[in-house]
Amino acid sequence: MYYKEFGSKDGQLVVFIHGGFTTHESYRKQFHLLSDKRMVFVDLPGFGNSKQESANGFTFASAACEVVKLIENLSPDKKVILIAHSYGGLVVKEILIRIPERVDKIVIGSTNVKRSILFCLYTRKIGCHILWKQNRERYMREGISWECVCDMQKDAWHNFELDMLKNNSEILCLFLYAEHDIKEIRDSMKLWKEKLPNCKIYKVSKSGHNYFFDMPKIVNPIISAFCK
């Protein structure tokens, strides 16, 4: 798995997991956020500079397994912090199902876990075609294939729930959502809190979905304070 690293090699490992149909570059305004920690920004399998490891295409479970391997390699003895945006939060969910004891804190930004008619349509072929038509040039430039778009959308639908995730009050959590996020995402913050009650929920005012990139002056201090 490809990753870019910043910060201190002696610091606590922090893994940044990007959202759907993008790469580690979506966090480029966070590259120097936690200079005392070992920050690793990954490209999920099939995206950016990471090869698709599974012959069956992208799944959130297989992506989580690759991140777990990275954690075990870079930080075998210490707990880690996970930071994820949008679909990246579904990877974090799969990591928490597998190795909750290795996780110290998580930051989840606008990750939907609520099925709806809207997302039913969005995750079908028609949604893939719309995404591809709107973003084809960027996808091709960043190494995102049509197959990965379809695989991610298909698997997302099957992951819009937290049933397999055990309640855990030991992990410290920060949940972010945008003021202008759709209702499913805003409602999802409550569902996350039911499973991970030791949390704070923060609304990013006057913001759309991509606040990590669009509003770093607001988001970065919040994350920095939480990760101390």
Protein backbone atom coordinates (compact mmCIF):
# COMPACT_ATOMS: atom_id res chain seq x y z
CA MET A 1 0.00 0.00 0.00
CA TYR A 2 1.35 3.40 -0.99
CA TYR A 3 1.61 6.09 1.68
CA LYS A 4 3.19 9.47 2.20
CA GLU A 5 4.73 10.22 5.57
CA PHE A 6 5.20 13.44 7.56
CA GLY A 7 6.02 14.40 11.12
CA SER A 8 8.19 12.56 13.63
CA LYS A 9 9.11 8.89 13.18
CA ASP A 10 9.27 8.64 16.97
CA GLY A 11 5.75 9.95 17.47
CA GLN A 12 2.46 8.11 17.79
CA LEU A 13 1.25 6.72 14.47
CA VAL A 14 -1.67 8.60 12.89
CA VAL A 15 -3.20 7.07 9.75
CA PHE A 16 -5.21 9.35 7.46
CA ILE A 17 -7.71 7.44 5.28
CA HIS A 18 -9.17 9.31 2.33
CA GLY A 19 -12.78 9.26 1.19
CA GLY A 20 -14.32 7.92 -1.98
CA PHE A 21 -12.89 8.50 -5.45
CA THR A 22 -9.84 10.46 -4.33
CA THR A 23 -6.35 9.86 -2.91
CA HIS A 24 -4.11 10.89 -0.02
CA GLU A 25 -3.79 14.27 -1.76
CA SER A 26 -7.25 15.20 -0.46
CA TYR A 27 -5.49 15.73 2.90
CA ARG A 28 -2.67 17.90 1.56
CA LYS A 29 -3.75 20.76 3.84
CA GLN A 30 -3.21 18.44 6.81
CA PHE A 31 0.27 17.19 5.81
CA HIS A 32 1.94 19.25 8.56
CA LEU A 33 -0.89 19.23 11.06
CA LEU A 34 0.57 17.01 13.81
CA SER A 35 4.32 17.51 13.57
CA ASP A 36 5.07 15.64 16.81
CA LYS A 37 3.33 12.48 15.54
CA ARG A 38 4.10 10.04 12.76
CA MET A 39 1.50 10.94 10.16
CA VAL A 40 0.85 8.47 7.35
CA PHE A 41 -1.46 9.37 4.45
CA VAL A 42 -2.49 6.27 2.51
CA ASP A 43 -3.84 5.56 -0.95
CA LEU A 44 -6.43 2.82 -0.55
CA PRO A 45 -6.03 -0.24 -2.81
CA GLY A 46 -6.85 0.62 -6.41
CA PHE A 47 -6.61 4.37 -5.84
CA GLY A 48 -3.75 6.71 -6.65
CA ASN A 49 -0.42 4.92 -6.34
CA SER A 50 -1.72 1.76 -4.65
CA LYS A 51 -2.31 -1.35 -6.70
CA GLN A 52 -5.54 -3.31 -6.35
CA GLU A 53 -4.57 -6.23 -4.11
CA SER A 54 -7.75 -8.29 -4.50
CA ALA A 55 -8.64 -10.03 -7.75
CA ASN A 56 -12.28 -9.52 -6.78
CA GLY A 57 -11.98 -5.74 -6.84
CA PHE A 58 -12.21 -3.11 -4.11
CA THR A 59 -13.97 -3.87 -0.82
CA PHE A 60 -13.86 -1.93 2.42
CA ALA A 61 -12.94 -5.11 4.30
CA SER A 62 -9.94 -5.84 2.09
CA ALA A 63 -8.86 -2.18 2.27
CA ALA A 64 -9.05 -2.35 6.07
CA CYS A 65 -6.86 -5.46 6.05
CA GLU A 66 -4.20 -3.57 4.10
CA VAL A 67 -4.31 -0.71 6.61
CA VAL A 68 -4.07 -3.20 9.49
CA LYS A 69 -0.93 -4.68 7.89
CA LEU A 70 0.53 -1.19 7.68
CA ILE A 71 -0.28 -0.50 11.34
CA GLU A 72 1.31 -3.78 12.43
CA ASN A 73 4.42 -2.95 10.43
CA LEU A 74 4.86 0.68 11.49
CA SER A 75 3.52 0.56 15.06
CA PRO A 76 3.51 -3.02 16.38
CA ASP A 77 3.51 -2.08 20.08
CA LYS A 78 1.60 1.18 20.42
CA LYS A 79 -1.98 2.26 19.90
CA VAL A 80 -2.73 4.40 16.87
CA ILE A 81 -5.00 7.26 15.84
CA LEU A 82 -7.21 6.88 12.77
CA ILE A 83 -8.53 9.89 10.84
CA ALA A 84 -10.98 9.33 8.00
CA HIS A 85 -13.32 11.28 5.78
CA SER A 86 -16.54 10.12 4.12
CA TYR A 87 -16.16 6.56 2.72
CA GLY A 88 -12.86 6.32 4.58
CA GLY A 89 -14.90 5.96 7.75
CA LEU A 90 -16.24 2.65 6.44
CA VAL A 91 -12.63 1.43 6.33
CA VAL A 92 -12.21 2.56 9.93
CA LYS A 93 -15.32 0.61 10.89
CA GLU A 94 -13.78 -2.54 9.43
CA ILE A 95 -10.51 -1.85 11.28
CA LEU A 96 -12.39 -1.47 14.58
CA ILE A 97 -14.12 -4.80 13.99
CA ARG A 98 -10.70 -6.45 13.60
CA ILE A 99 -8.30 -4.69 16.00
CA PRO A 100 -10.20 -2.36 18.38
CA GLU A 101 -7.54 -2.91 21.04
CA ARG A 102 -4.92 -1.24 18.81
CA VAL A 103 -6.86 2.01 18.39
CA ASP A 104 -6.46 4.96 20.77
CA LYS A 105 -8.56 7.65 19.07
CA ILE A 106 -10.54 8.10 15.87
CA VAL A 107 -11.72 11.09 13.88
CA ILE A 108 -14.64 10.31 11.55
CA GLY A 109 -15.70 13.03 9.14
CA SER A 110 -19.15 12.78 7.52
CA THR A 111 -19.33 9.01 7.08
CA ASN A 112 -22.80 7.80 6.18
CA VAL A 113 -24.03 4.55 7.78
CA LYS A 114 -27.72 4.99 7.03
CA ARG A 115 -29.43 3.33 4.07
CA SER A 116 -31.97 5.37 2.14
CA ILE A 117 -33.62 5.50 -1.28
CA LEU A 118 -31.20 8.29 -2.21
CA PHE A 119 -28.16 6.15 -1.48
CA CYS A 120 -29.77 3.12 -3.08
CA LEU A 121 -29.83 5.05 -6.35
CA TYR A 122 -26.46 6.68 -5.75
CA THR A 123 -24.68 3.35 -5.27
CA ARG A 124 -26.16 1.68 -8.36
CA LYS A 125 -24.79 1.85 -11.91
CA ILE A 126 -26.64 5.07 -12.61
CA GLY A 127 -24.78 6.73 -9.73
CA CYS A 128 -21.47 5.41 -11.04
CA HIS A 129 -22.17 6.78 -14.49
CA ILE A 130 -23.01 10.20 -13.07
CA LEU A 131 -19.83 10.27 -10.97
CA TRP A 132 -17.70 9.14 -13.89
CA LYS A 133 -19.17 11.69 -16.27
CA GLN A 134 -18.68 14.54 -13.78
CA ASN A 135 -15.15 13.61 -12.69
CA ARG A 136 -13.63 11.47 -15.47
CA GLU A 137 -10.59 13.68 -16.15
CA ARG A 138 -9.64 13.93 -12.47
CA TYR A 139 -10.21 10.22 -11.88
CA MET A 140 -7.95 9.28 -14.77
CA ARG A 141 -5.30 11.80 -13.72
CA GLU A 142 -5.28 10.45 -10.14
CA GLY A 143 -5.28 6.77 -11.13
CA ILE A 144 -8.91 5.98 -10.27
CA SER A 145 -10.50 3.50 -12.65
CA TRP A 146 -14.11 3.02 -13.65
CA GLU A 147 -13.94 -0.44 -12.04
CA CYS A 148 -12.86 1.03 -8.70
CA VAL A 149 -15.67 3.57 -8.78
CA CYS A 150 -18.23 0.81 -9.35
CA ASP A 151 -16.67 -1.55 -6.79
CA MET A 152 -16.58 1.12 -4.09
CA GLN A 153 -20.15 2.21 -4.73
CA LYS A 154 -21.45 -1.36 -4.71
CA ASP A 155 -19.64 -2.31 -1.51
CA ALA A 156 -20.61 0.92 0.23
CA TRP A 157 -24.28 -0.03 0.09
CA HIS A 158 -23.55 -3.25 2.01
CA ASN A 159 -21.57 -1.30 4.63
CA PHE A 160 -24.15 1.36 5.49
CA GLU A 161 -24.72 -0.12 8.96
CA LEU A 162 -22.82 -0.65 12.21
CA ASP A 163 -24.32 -3.97 13.31
CA MET A 164 -20.97 -5.80 13.33
CA LEU A 165 -19.27 -3.07 15.35
CA LYS A 166 -19.30 -3.74 19.09
CA ASN A 167 -20.06 -0.96 21.55
CA ASN A 168 -16.78 0.52 22.74
CA SER A 169 -16.48 3.29 25.31
CA GLU A 170 -12.68 3.11 25.60
CA ILE A 171 -11.84 4.62 22.23
CA LEU A 172 -11.96 8.41 22.20
CA CYS A 173 -13.84 9.70 19.17
CA LEU A 174 -14.42 12.94 17.33
CA PHE A 175 -17.24 12.99 14.79
CA LEU A 176 -17.38 15.83 12.30
CA TYR A 177 -20.12 16.74 9.87
CA ALA A 178 -20.79 19.70 7.62
CA GLU A 179 -23.67 22.09 8.08
CA HIS A 180 -24.67 21.39 4.49
CA ASP A 181 -24.19 17.61 4.57
CA ILE A 182 -27.28 15.68 3.53
CA LYS A 183 -29.68 14.43 6.20
CA GLU A 184 -28.44 10.82 6.03
CA ILE A 185 -24.95 11.90 7.05
CA ARG A 186 -26.19 14.18 9.82
CA ASP A 187 -28.35 11.36 11.20
CA SER A 188 -25.40 8.97 10.95
CA MET A 189 -23.51 10.89 13.60
CA LYS A 190 -26.07 9.71 16.17
CA LEU A 191 -25.67 6.11 15.00
CA TRP A 192 -21.90 6.31 15.39
CA LYS A 193 -22.36 7.73 18.88
CA GLU A 194 -24.50 4.77 19.94
CA LYS A 195 -21.58 2.43 19.20
CA LEU A 196 -18.77 4.74 20.32
CA PRO A 197 -20.24 6.84 23.12
CA ASN A 198 -16.97 8.37 24.37
CA CYS A 199 -17.17 11.03 21.72
CA LYS A 200 -17.58 14.63 20.72
CA ILE A 201 -19.68 15.70 17.74
CA TYR A 202 -18.74 18.90 15.94
CA LYS A 203 -20.67 20.67 13.19
CA VAL A 204 -18.50 22.53 10.67
CA SER A 205 -20.58 25.63 10.06
CA LYS A 206 -21.12 27.12 6.60
CA SER A 207 -19.42 24.13 5.04
CA GLY A 208 -20.06 21.48 2.42
CA HIS A 209 -18.82 17.92 2.45
CA ASN A 210 -15.14 18.58 1.62
CA TYR A 211 -14.22 20.67 4.66
CA PHE A 212 -10.84 18.99 5.21
CA PHE A 213 -9.67 20.69 2.03
CA ASP A 214 -11.98 23.71 1.88
CA MET A 215 -11.86 24.84 5.52
CA PRO A 216 -8.54 23.78 7.09
CA LYS A 217 -8.36 26.93 9.25
CA ILE A 218 -11.46 25.70 11.08
CA VAL A 219 -10.96 21.93 10.95
CA ASN A 220 -7.23 21.65 11.64
CA PRO A 221 -7.21 23.25 15.12
CA ILE A 222 -10.12 21.03 16.17
CA ILE A 223 -8.34 17.86 15.09
CA SER A 224 -5.01 19.01 16.51
CA ALA A 225 -6.50 19.68 19.95
CA PHE A 226 -8.28 16.31 19.96
CA CYS A 227 -5.17 14.34 18.99
CA LYS A 228 -2.87 15.74 21.70
